[in-house]
Amino acid sequence: MENLPSILTPDLGLLFWMLLAFLVVFGVLAKFGFPAIVGMVEERRKYIDESLQNAHEAAERLANIQQESEAMVQKAREQQATILKEAGAARDAIIAEAQNKAKAEAARIIDEAHLNIEREKQAAIRDIRAQVAQLSVQIAEKVVRNNLQSDEQQMQLINRMLDEVQVENK
């Protein structure tokens, strides 16, 4: 074992100084280093805990926001359905009103047409009667001229007609 280097087989003085240096470094680290490291670790742990807490709060807020947005979407859908129903009812009312107006207008036009037809019919009847009367007078005039060529025949006809008129007036 004598051939081994001195690092592998330290003597007692070296072990003492190494132990002393270790204890001094450990003491300095225990006094100044470990509290700083533990403080940093503790701060990091607090930061992580706060971040987790904030993340949970954010997740809760997000869930609340999602619920609110779903409620708003549902409310908007309900309003849309209500508006569509109202629009459909208004459309139906407008169509019904337009149909009623069209029916009333058609009835008015038909009534006016009936009145015009009746007026035209009455005018045509009056015109035909006037023409028939005029033709009757012309025919009667021609017949009477042919039959009453003498004064005596004319007097008999006049007397007969006067008698008929008197009988009708009584």
N, C-alpha and C. Protein backbone atom coordinates (compact mmCIF):
# COMPACT_ATOMS: atom_id res chain seq x y z
N MET A 1 0.78 -1.17 0.00
CA MET A 1 0.00 0.00 0.00
C MET A 1 0.84 1.26 0.00
N GLU A 2 1.96 1.06 -0.03
CA GLU A 2 2.85 2.18 -0.04
C GLU A 2 2.93 2.80 -1.40
N ASN A 3 2.55 2.18 -2.38
CA ASN A 3 2.60 2.74 -3.72
C ASN A 3 1.38 3.63 -4.02
N LEU A 4 0.43 3.66 -3.20
CA LEU A 4 -0.79 4.44 -3.45
C LEU A 4 -0.52 5.93 -3.25
N PRO A 5 -1.21 6.75 -4.00
CA PRO A 5 -1.00 8.20 -3.82
C PRO A 5 -1.54 8.66 -2.47
N SER A 6 -1.13 9.82 -2.06
CA SER A 6 -1.44 10.30 -0.72
C SER A 6 -2.91 10.74 -0.60
N ILE A 7 -3.54 11.00 -1.69
CA ILE A 7 -4.95 11.39 -1.64
C ILE A 7 -5.78 10.20 -1.23
N LEU A 8 -5.42 9.02 -1.67
CA LEU A 8 -6.19 7.86 -1.32
C LEU A 8 -5.88 7.37 0.09
N THR A 9 -4.75 7.70 0.57
CA THR A 9 -4.38 7.31 1.94
C THR A 9 -3.93 8.57 2.69
N PRO A 10 -4.89 9.41 3.10
CA PRO A 10 -4.48 10.66 3.74
C PRO A 10 -3.93 10.39 5.14
N ASP A 11 -3.07 11.28 5.55
CA ASP A 11 -2.56 11.13 6.92
C ASP A 11 -3.48 11.86 7.87
N LEU A 12 -3.22 11.78 9.10
CA LEU A 12 -4.10 12.29 10.12
C LEU A 12 -4.17 13.82 10.11
N GLY A 13 -3.17 14.50 9.85
CA GLY A 13 -3.14 15.97 9.78
C GLY A 13 -4.00 16.47 8.63
N LEU A 14 -3.90 15.82 7.52
CA LEU A 14 -4.71 16.22 6.36
C LEU A 14 -6.20 15.99 6.65
N LEU A 15 -6.49 14.88 7.32
CA LEU A 15 -7.87 14.60 7.67
C LEU A 15 -8.37 15.67 8.64
N PHE A 16 -7.57 16.08 9.57
CA PHE A 16 -7.97 17.09 10.51
C PHE A 16 -8.29 18.39 9.80
N TRP A 17 -7.37 18.83 8.95
CA TRP A 17 -7.57 20.11 8.23
C TRP A 17 -8.76 20.00 7.26
N MET A 18 -8.93 18.90 6.66
CA MET A 18 -10.08 18.72 5.77
C MET A 18 -11.38 18.76 6.57
N LEU A 19 -11.39 18.14 7.72
CA LEU A 19 -12.56 18.16 8.59
C LEU A 19 -12.82 19.57 9.09
N LEU A 20 -11.77 20.28 9.48
CA LEU A 20 -11.90 21.64 9.96
C LEU A 20 -12.44 22.54 8.83
N ALA A 21 -11.90 22.43 7.62
CA ALA A 21 -12.37 23.24 6.49
C ALA A 21 -13.83 22.89 6.18
N PHE A 22 -14.18 21.62 6.27
CA PHE A 22 -15.54 21.20 6.02
C PHE A 22 -16.47 21.81 7.05
N LEU A 23 -16.07 21.77 8.34
CA LEU A 23 -16.90 22.32 9.39
C LEU A 23 -17.05 23.84 9.25
N VAL A 24 -15.98 24.53 8.88
CA VAL A 24 -16.03 25.99 8.69
C VAL A 24 -16.98 26.31 7.52
N VAL A 25 -16.81 25.61 6.43
CA VAL A 25 -17.67 25.85 5.26
C VAL A 25 -19.11 25.47 5.61
N PHE A 26 -19.30 24.38 6.31
CA PHE A 26 -20.64 23.97 6.70
C PHE A 26 -21.24 25.00 7.65
N GLY A 27 -20.45 25.50 8.60
CA GLY A 27 -20.92 26.52 9.55
C GLY A 27 -21.31 27.80 8.82
N VAL A 28 -20.45 28.24 7.90
CA VAL A 28 -20.77 29.46 7.14
C VAL A 28 -22.03 29.22 6.31
N LEU A 29 -22.11 28.08 5.69
CA LEU A 29 -23.31 27.76 4.90
C LEU A 29 -24.52 27.66 5.82
N ALA A 30 -24.39 27.03 6.98
CA ALA A 30 -25.51 26.89 7.91
C ALA A 30 -25.94 28.26 8.41
N LYS A 31 -24.97 29.15 8.66
CA LYS A 31 -25.29 30.47 9.19
C LYS A 31 -25.88 31.37 8.11
N PHE A 32 -25.27 31.39 6.93
CA PHE A 32 -25.68 32.35 5.89
C PHE A 32 -26.34 31.70 4.67
N GLY A 33 -25.87 30.60 4.23
CA GLY A 33 -26.32 30.00 2.97
C GLY A 33 -27.65 29.28 3.07
N PHE A 34 -27.78 28.40 4.09
CA PHE A 34 -29.01 27.62 4.19
C PHE A 34 -30.24 28.49 4.45
N PRO A 35 -30.14 29.49 5.35
CA PRO A 35 -31.33 30.33 5.53
C PRO A 35 -31.72 31.06 4.22
N ALA A 36 -30.74 31.52 3.47
CA ALA A 36 -31.05 32.19 2.20
C ALA A 36 -31.68 31.21 1.22
N ILE A 37 -31.11 30.00 1.16
CA ILE A 37 -31.65 28.99 0.25
C ILE A 37 -33.05 28.58 0.70
N VAL A 38 -33.23 28.34 2.00
CA VAL A 38 -34.54 27.96 2.53
C VAL A 38 -35.53 29.10 2.30
N GLY A 39 -35.11 30.36 2.51
CA GLY A 39 -35.98 31.52 2.27
C GLY A 39 -36.39 31.59 0.80
N MET A 40 -35.45 31.38 -0.09
CA MET A 40 -35.75 31.41 -1.52
C MET A 40 -36.71 30.27 -1.88
N VAL A 41 -36.44 29.09 -1.32
CA VAL A 41 -37.33 27.95 -1.58
C VAL A 41 -38.72 28.24 -1.03
N GLU A 42 -38.76 28.85 0.20
CA GLU A 42 -40.05 29.18 0.80
C GLU A 42 -40.78 30.24 -0.03
N GLU A 43 -40.07 31.25 -0.51
CA GLU A 43 -40.67 32.27 -1.39
C GLU A 43 -41.19 31.62 -2.67
N ARG A 44 -40.41 30.75 -3.21
CA ARG A 44 -40.82 30.06 -4.43
C ARG A 44 -42.07 29.22 -4.18
N ARG A 45 -42.10 28.53 -3.01
CA ARG A 45 -43.26 27.74 -2.65
C ARG A 45 -44.49 28.64 -2.49
N LYS A 46 -44.33 29.79 -1.84
CA LYS A 46 -45.45 30.72 -1.68
C LYS A 46 -45.91 31.24 -3.05
N TYR A 47 -44.96 31.56 -3.90
CA TYR A 47 -45.29 32.05 -5.24
C TYR A 47 -46.05 30.98 -6.02
N ILE A 48 -45.59 29.74 -5.90
CA ILE A 48 -46.27 28.64 -6.60
C ILE A 48 -47.66 28.43 -6.02
N ASP A 49 -47.78 28.48 -4.66
CA ASP A 49 -49.10 28.33 -4.03
C ASP A 49 -50.04 29.46 -4.47
N GLU A 50 -49.51 30.69 -4.47
CA GLU A 50 -50.33 31.82 -4.92
C GLU A 50 -50.73 31.66 -6.39
N SER A 51 -49.80 31.20 -7.20
CA SER A 51 -50.11 30.98 -8.62
C SER A 51 -51.18 29.91 -8.79
N LEU A 52 -51.07 28.84 -8.00
CA LEU A 52 -52.09 27.78 -8.05
C LEU A 52 -53.44 28.32 -7.59
N GLN A 53 -53.42 29.12 -6.50
CA GLN A 53 -54.66 29.71 -6.00
C GLN A 53 -55.26 30.63 -7.06
N ASN A 54 -54.41 31.45 -7.68
CA ASN A 54 -54.89 32.35 -8.75
C ASN A 54 -55.43 31.56 -9.93
N ALA A 55 -54.76 30.46 -10.23
CA ALA A 55 -55.22 29.62 -11.34
C ALA A 55 -56.58 29.02 -11.02
N HIS A 56 -56.78 28.56 -9.76
CA HIS A 56 -58.08 28.02 -9.35
C HIS A 56 -59.15 29.11 -9.42
N GLU A 57 -58.81 30.31 -8.92
CA GLU A 57 -59.77 31.41 -8.98
C GLU A 57 -60.10 31.76 -10.43
N ALA A 58 -59.07 31.77 -11.28
CA ALA A 58 -59.28 32.07 -12.69
C ALA A 58 -60.16 31.00 -13.33
N ALA A 59 -59.92 29.75 -12.96
CA ALA A 59 -60.74 28.66 -13.51
C ALA A 59 -62.19 28.81 -13.05
N GLU A 60 -62.38 29.19 -11.76
CA GLU A 60 -63.73 29.41 -11.26
C GLU A 60 -64.39 30.58 -11.99
N ARG A 61 -63.63 31.67 -12.15
CA ARG A 61 -64.17 32.82 -12.89
C ARG A 61 -64.52 32.44 -14.32
N LEU A 62 -63.64 31.65 -14.93
CA LEU A 62 -63.90 31.21 -16.29
C LEU A 62 -65.16 30.36 -16.35
N ALA A 63 -65.32 29.48 -15.37
CA ALA A 63 -66.54 28.66 -15.33
C ALA A 63 -67.76 29.56 -15.15
N ASN A 64 -67.66 30.56 -14.25
CA ASN A 64 -68.78 31.49 -14.06
C ASN A 64 -69.06 32.27 -15.34
N ILE A 65 -68.00 32.70 -15.99
CA ILE A 65 -68.16 33.45 -17.25
C ILE A 65 -68.80 32.56 -18.30
N GLN A 66 -68.38 31.30 -18.36
CA GLN A 66 -68.98 30.37 -19.32
C GLN A 66 -70.47 30.17 -19.01
N GLN A 67 -70.80 30.02 -17.74
CA GLN A 67 -72.21 29.86 -17.36
C GLN A 67 -73.00 31.12 -17.73
N GLU A 68 -72.40 32.29 -17.44
CA GLU A 68 -73.08 33.54 -17.78
C GLU A 68 -73.24 33.67 -19.29
N SER A 69 -72.20 33.30 -20.03
CA SER A 69 -72.30 33.41 -21.48
C SER A 69 -73.34 32.43 -22.03
N GLU A 70 -73.39 31.23 -21.46
CA GLU A 70 -74.41 30.27 -21.88
C GLU A 70 -75.81 30.80 -21.55
N ALA A 71 -75.94 31.42 -20.37
CA ALA A 71 -77.23 32.00 -20.00
C ALA A 71 -77.59 33.13 -20.95
N MET A 72 -76.60 33.94 -21.30
CA MET A 72 -76.84 35.06 -22.23
C MET A 72 -77.22 34.52 -23.61
N VAL A 73 -76.53 33.47 -24.04
CA VAL A 73 -76.85 32.87 -25.34
C VAL A 73 -78.26 32.30 -25.32
N GLN A 74 -78.62 31.63 -24.23
CA GLN A 74 -79.97 31.08 -24.10
C GLN A 74 -81.00 32.20 -24.11
N LYS A 75 -80.72 33.27 -23.37
CA LYS A 75 -81.63 34.41 -23.34
C LYS A 75 -81.75 35.03 -24.73
N ALA A 76 -80.63 35.14 -25.43
CA ALA A 76 -80.66 35.69 -26.79
C ALA A 76 -81.47 34.80 -27.72
N ARG A 77 -81.33 33.49 -27.56
CA ARG A 77 -82.12 32.57 -28.37
C ARG A 77 -83.61 32.71 -28.08
N GLU A 78 -83.93 32.85 -26.79
CA GLU A 78 -85.34 33.03 -26.42
C GLU A 78 -85.88 34.33 -27.00
N GLN A 79 -85.07 35.40 -26.91
CA GLN A 79 -85.49 36.68 -27.48
C GLN A 79 -85.65 36.56 -28.99
N GLN A 80 -84.74 35.83 -29.62
CA GLN A 80 -84.83 35.62 -31.07
C GLN A 80 -86.12 34.89 -31.41
N ALA A 81 -86.42 33.85 -30.64
CA ALA A 81 -87.65 33.10 -30.89
C ALA A 81 -88.87 33.99 -30.69
N THR A 82 -88.84 34.81 -29.64
CA THR A 82 -89.95 35.73 -29.39
C THR A 82 -90.10 36.72 -30.53
N ILE A 83 -88.98 37.27 -30.98
CA ILE A 83 -89.01 38.24 -32.08
C ILE A 83 -89.53 37.57 -33.35
N LEU A 84 -89.08 36.33 -33.59
CA LEU A 84 -89.56 35.62 -34.79
C LEU A 84 -91.05 35.35 -34.70
N LYS A 85 -91.53 34.99 -33.50
CA LYS A 85 -92.97 34.77 -33.32
C LYS A 85 -93.73 36.06 -33.58
N GLU A 86 -93.24 37.15 -32.99
CA GLU A 86 -93.91 38.44 -33.17
C GLU A 86 -93.89 38.85 -34.65
N ALA A 87 -92.76 38.63 -35.30
CA ALA A 87 -92.65 38.97 -36.72
C ALA A 87 -93.62 38.12 -37.54
N GLY A 88 -93.72 36.83 -37.21
CA GLY A 88 -94.66 35.95 -37.92
C GLY A 88 -96.09 36.40 -37.68
N ALA A 89 -96.41 36.76 -36.45
CA ALA A 89 -97.77 37.23 -36.15
C ALA A 89 -98.05 38.53 -36.88
N ALA A 90 -97.07 39.43 -36.89
CA ALA A 90 -97.25 40.70 -37.61
C ALA A 90 -97.42 40.44 -39.11
N ARG A 91 -96.62 39.52 -39.63
CA ARG A 91 -96.73 39.17 -41.05
C ARG A 91 -98.12 38.63 -41.35
N ASP A 92 -98.59 37.70 -40.50
CA ASP A 92 -99.92 37.12 -40.70
C ASP A 92 -101.00 38.19 -40.61
N ALA A 93 -100.84 39.11 -39.64
CA ALA A 93 -101.83 40.19 -39.49
C ALA A 93 -101.83 41.09 -40.71
N ILE A 94 -100.65 41.41 -41.21
CA ILE A 94 -100.55 42.26 -42.40
C ILE A 94 -101.17 41.56 -43.60
N ILE A 95 -100.88 40.27 -43.75
CA ILE A 95 -101.45 39.51 -44.87
C ILE A 95 -102.97 39.45 -44.74
N ALA A 96 -103.46 39.18 -43.53
CA ALA A 96 -104.92 39.11 -43.33
C ALA A 96 -105.56 40.46 -43.61
N GLU A 97 -104.91 41.53 -43.13
CA GLU A 97 -105.45 42.87 -43.38
C GLU A 97 -105.46 43.18 -44.87
N ALA A 98 -104.37 42.82 -45.55
CA ALA A 98 -104.31 43.05 -47.00
C ALA A 98 -105.38 42.24 -47.72
N GLN A 99 -105.59 41.00 -47.30
CA GLN A 99 -106.63 40.18 -47.91
C GLN A 99 -108.01 40.78 -47.67
N ASN A 100 -108.24 41.23 -46.44
CA ASN A 100 -109.53 41.84 -46.13
C ASN A 100 -109.75 43.10 -46.96
N LYS A 101 -108.69 43.91 -47.07
CA LYS A 101 -108.80 45.12 -47.89
C LYS A 101 -109.06 44.76 -49.35
N ALA A 102 -108.36 43.74 -49.82
CA ALA A 102 -108.55 43.31 -51.22
C ALA A 102 -109.97 42.80 -51.42
N LYS A 103 -110.49 42.02 -50.46
CA LYS A 103 -111.86 41.52 -50.57
C LYS A 103 -112.84 42.68 -50.55
N ALA A 104 -112.62 43.63 -49.64
CA ALA A 104 -113.52 44.78 -49.56
C ALA A 104 -113.47 45.59 -50.85
N GLU A 105 -112.29 45.80 -51.37
CA GLU A 105 -112.13 46.54 -52.62
C GLU A 105 -112.80 45.78 -53.77
N ALA A 106 -112.60 44.47 -53.80
CA ALA A 106 -113.23 43.65 -54.85
C ALA A 106 -114.75 43.74 -54.73
N ALA A 107 -115.27 43.66 -53.51
CA ALA A 107 -116.72 43.75 -53.31
C ALA A 107 -117.23 45.12 -53.75
N ARG A 108 -116.48 46.16 -53.40
CA ARG A 108 -116.87 47.52 -53.80
C ARG A 108 -116.88 47.65 -55.32
N ILE A 109 -115.84 47.12 -55.97
CA ILE A 109 -115.75 47.18 -57.43
C ILE A 109 -116.90 46.39 -58.06
N ILE A 110 -117.18 45.22 -57.48
CA ILE A 110 -118.28 44.39 -58.01
C ILE A 110 -119.61 45.13 -57.83
N ASP A 111 -119.81 45.75 -56.65
CA ASP A 111 -121.05 46.50 -56.42
C ASP A 111 -121.17 47.66 -57.40
N GLU A 112 -120.07 48.37 -57.61
CA GLU A 112 -120.09 49.47 -58.58
C GLU A 112 -120.39 48.94 -59.98
N ALA A 113 -119.81 47.80 -60.32
CA ALA A 113 -120.06 47.21 -61.63
C ALA A 113 -121.53 46.83 -61.77
N HIS A 114 -122.12 46.25 -60.69
CA HIS A 114 -123.53 45.90 -60.71
C HIS A 114 -124.40 47.15 -60.90
N LEU A 115 -124.03 48.22 -60.15
CA LEU A 115 -124.79 49.46 -60.28
C LEU A 115 -124.68 50.03 -61.69
N ASN A 116 -123.46 50.01 -62.24
CA ASN A 116 -123.27 50.51 -63.60
C ASN A 116 -124.05 49.66 -64.61
N ILE A 117 -124.03 48.36 -64.40
CA ILE A 117 -124.77 47.46 -65.30
C ILE A 117 -126.27 47.76 -65.20
N GLU A 118 -126.75 47.95 -63.96
CA GLU A 118 -128.18 48.24 -63.77
C GLU A 118 -128.54 49.57 -64.42
N ARG A 119 -127.67 50.58 -64.23
CA ARG A 119 -127.91 51.89 -64.87
C ARG A 119 -127.95 51.75 -66.39
N GLU A 120 -126.97 51.04 -66.90
CA GLU A 120 -126.91 50.84 -68.36
C GLU A 120 -128.14 50.08 -68.84
N LYS A 121 -128.55 49.10 -68.05
CA LYS A 121 -129.73 48.30 -68.41
C LYS A 121 -130.97 49.19 -68.44
N GLN A 122 -131.14 50.00 -67.38
CA GLN A 122 -132.28 50.90 -67.31
C GLN A 122 -132.25 51.91 -68.47
N ALA A 123 -131.04 52.43 -68.76
CA ALA A 123 -130.92 53.38 -69.86
C ALA A 123 -131.27 52.70 -71.19
N ALA A 124 -130.79 51.45 -71.34
CA ALA A 124 -131.10 50.72 -72.57
C ALA A 124 -132.59 50.44 -72.68
N ILE A 125 -133.22 50.08 -71.56
CA ILE A 125 -134.66 49.82 -71.56
C ILE A 125 -135.42 51.09 -71.91
N ARG A 126 -135.00 52.23 -71.29
CA ARG A 126 -135.67 53.50 -71.61
C ARG A 126 -135.50 53.84 -73.09
N ASP A 127 -134.27 53.63 -73.55
CA ASP A 127 -134.00 53.92 -74.97
C ASP A 127 -134.85 53.03 -75.88
N ILE A 128 -134.92 51.74 -75.53
CA ILE A 128 -135.72 50.80 -76.33
C ILE A 128 -137.19 51.18 -76.26
N ARG A 129 -137.69 51.54 -75.09
CA ARG A 129 -139.10 51.94 -74.95
C ARG A 129 -139.38 53.19 -75.79
N ALA A 130 -138.43 54.13 -75.73
CA ALA A 130 -138.64 55.35 -76.52
C ALA A 130 -138.69 55.02 -78.00
N GLN A 131 -137.75 54.12 -78.40
CA GLN A 131 -137.74 53.75 -79.82
C GLN A 131 -139.01 52.98 -80.18
N VAL A 132 -139.45 52.07 -79.29
CA VAL A 132 -140.67 51.30 -79.54
C VAL A 132 -141.87 52.25 -79.60
N ALA A 133 -141.90 53.20 -78.69
CA ALA A 133 -143.02 54.16 -78.68
C ALA A 133 -143.03 54.97 -79.97
N GLN A 134 -141.82 55.40 -80.34
CA GLN A 134 -141.74 56.20 -81.57
C GLN A 134 -142.15 55.36 -82.78
N LEU A 135 -141.65 54.11 -82.82
CA LEU A 135 -142.04 53.23 -83.93
C LEU A 135 -143.54 52.95 -83.90
N SER A 136 -144.09 52.74 -82.70
CA SER A 136 -145.52 52.46 -82.58
C SER A 136 -146.34 53.64 -83.08
N VAL A 137 -145.88 54.84 -82.72
CA VAL A 137 -146.60 56.03 -83.18
C VAL A 137 -146.52 56.12 -84.69
N GLN A 138 -145.34 55.85 -85.23
CA GLN A 138 -145.19 55.92 -86.70
C GLN A 138 -146.05 54.87 -87.38
N ILE A 139 -146.05 53.64 -86.84
CA ILE A 139 -146.86 52.58 -87.43
C ILE A 139 -148.34 52.92 -87.30
N ALA A 140 -148.73 53.40 -86.10
CA ALA A 140 -150.13 53.74 -85.88
C ALA A 140 -150.55 54.87 -86.81
N GLU A 141 -149.66 55.80 -86.99
CA GLU A 141 -149.96 56.92 -87.89
C GLU A 141 -150.20 56.41 -89.31
N LYS A 142 -149.36 55.49 -89.75
CA LYS A 142 -149.51 54.96 -91.10
C LYS A 142 -150.79 54.14 -91.21
N VAL A 143 -151.09 53.33 -90.17
CA VAL A 143 -152.30 52.52 -90.20
C VAL A 143 -153.52 53.42 -90.18
N VAL A 144 -153.50 54.41 -89.32
CA VAL A 144 -154.65 55.31 -89.21
C VAL A 144 -154.84 56.07 -90.51
N ARG A 145 -153.83 56.49 -91.15
CA ARG A 145 -153.95 57.20 -92.43
C ARG A 145 -154.59 56.29 -93.47
N ASN A 146 -154.14 55.04 -93.44
CA ASN A 146 -154.73 54.13 -94.43
C ASN A 146 -156.20 53.85 -94.11
N ASN A 147 -156.52 53.66 -92.83
CA ASN A 147 -157.89 53.31 -92.45
C ASN A 147 -158.82 54.53 -92.40
N LEU A 148 -158.27 55.64 -92.12
CA LEU A 148 -159.13 56.80 -91.93
C LEU A 148 -158.94 57.82 -93.05
N GLN A 149 -159.21 57.43 -94.17
CA GLN A 149 -159.04 58.35 -95.29
C GLN A 149 -160.24 59.28 -95.39
N SER A 150 -161.32 58.91 -94.81
CA SER A 150 -162.50 59.79 -94.89
C SER A 150 -162.70 60.49 -93.55
N ASP A 151 -163.40 61.60 -93.57
CA ASP A 151 -163.64 62.37 -92.35
C ASP A 151 -164.56 61.61 -91.40
N GLU A 152 -165.51 60.90 -91.96
CA GLU A 152 -166.45 60.15 -91.15
C GLU A 152 -165.73 59.07 -90.34
N GLN A 153 -164.80 58.38 -90.90
CA GLN A 153 -164.04 57.34 -90.21
C GLN A 153 -163.18 57.98 -89.11
N GLN A 154 -162.63 59.10 -89.35
CA GLN A 154 -161.81 59.78 -88.36
C GLN A 154 -162.65 60.17 -87.15
N MET A 155 -163.83 60.65 -87.36
CA MET A 155 -164.71 61.08 -86.28
C MET A 155 -165.15 59.89 -85.43
N GLN A 156 -165.42 58.77 -86.07
CA GLN A 156 -165.82 57.58 -85.32
C GLN A 156 -164.66 57.11 -84.42
N LEU A 157 -163.47 57.12 -84.94
CA LEU A 157 -162.29 56.70 -84.16
C LEU A 157 -162.07 57.63 -82.98
N ILE A 158 -162.19 58.90 -83.19
CA ILE A 158 -161.98 59.87 -82.11
C ILE A 158 -163.03 59.68 -81.04
N ASN A 159 -164.25 59.47 -81.39
CA ASN A 159 -165.31 59.28 -80.40
C ASN A 159 -165.09 57.98 -79.61
N ARG A 160 -164.73 56.95 -80.32
CA ARG A 160 -164.47 55.67 -79.65
C ARG A 160 -163.33 55.82 -78.64
N MET A 161 -162.28 56.49 -78.99
CA MET A 161 -161.13 56.68 -78.10
C MET A 161 -161.51 57.53 -76.90
N LEU A 162 -162.27 58.54 -77.10
CA LEU A 162 -162.71 59.38 -75.99
C LEU A 162 -163.56 58.58 -75.02
N ASP A 163 -164.38 57.73 -75.53
CA ASP A 163 -165.20 56.88 -74.68
C ASP A 163 -164.33 55.93 -73.85
N GLU A 164 -163.32 55.37 -74.49
CA GLU A 164 -162.41 54.43 -73.78
C GLU A 164 -161.65 55.16 -72.68
N VAL A 165 -161.22 56.37 -72.96
CA VAL A 165 -160.45 57.14 -71.95
C VAL A 165 -161.35 57.48 -70.79
N GLN A 166 -162.59 57.82 -71.05
CA GLN A 166 -163.52 58.17 -69.99
C GLN A 166 -163.79 56.95 -69.10
N VAL A 167 -163.91 55.80 -69.72
CA VAL A 167 -164.19 54.57 -68.96
C VAL A 167 -162.97 54.22 -68.09
N GLU A 168 -161.82 54.42 -68.61
CA GLU A 168 -160.58 54.09 -67.85
C GLU A 168 -160.38 55.06 -66.70
N ASN A 169 -160.75 56.31 -66.84
CA ASN A 169 -160.56 57.32 -65.80
C ASN A 169 -161.54 57.18 -64.66
N LYS A 170 -162.66 56.51 -64.89
CA LYS A 170 -163.68 56.38 -63.85
C LYS A 170 -163.29 55.37 -62.90
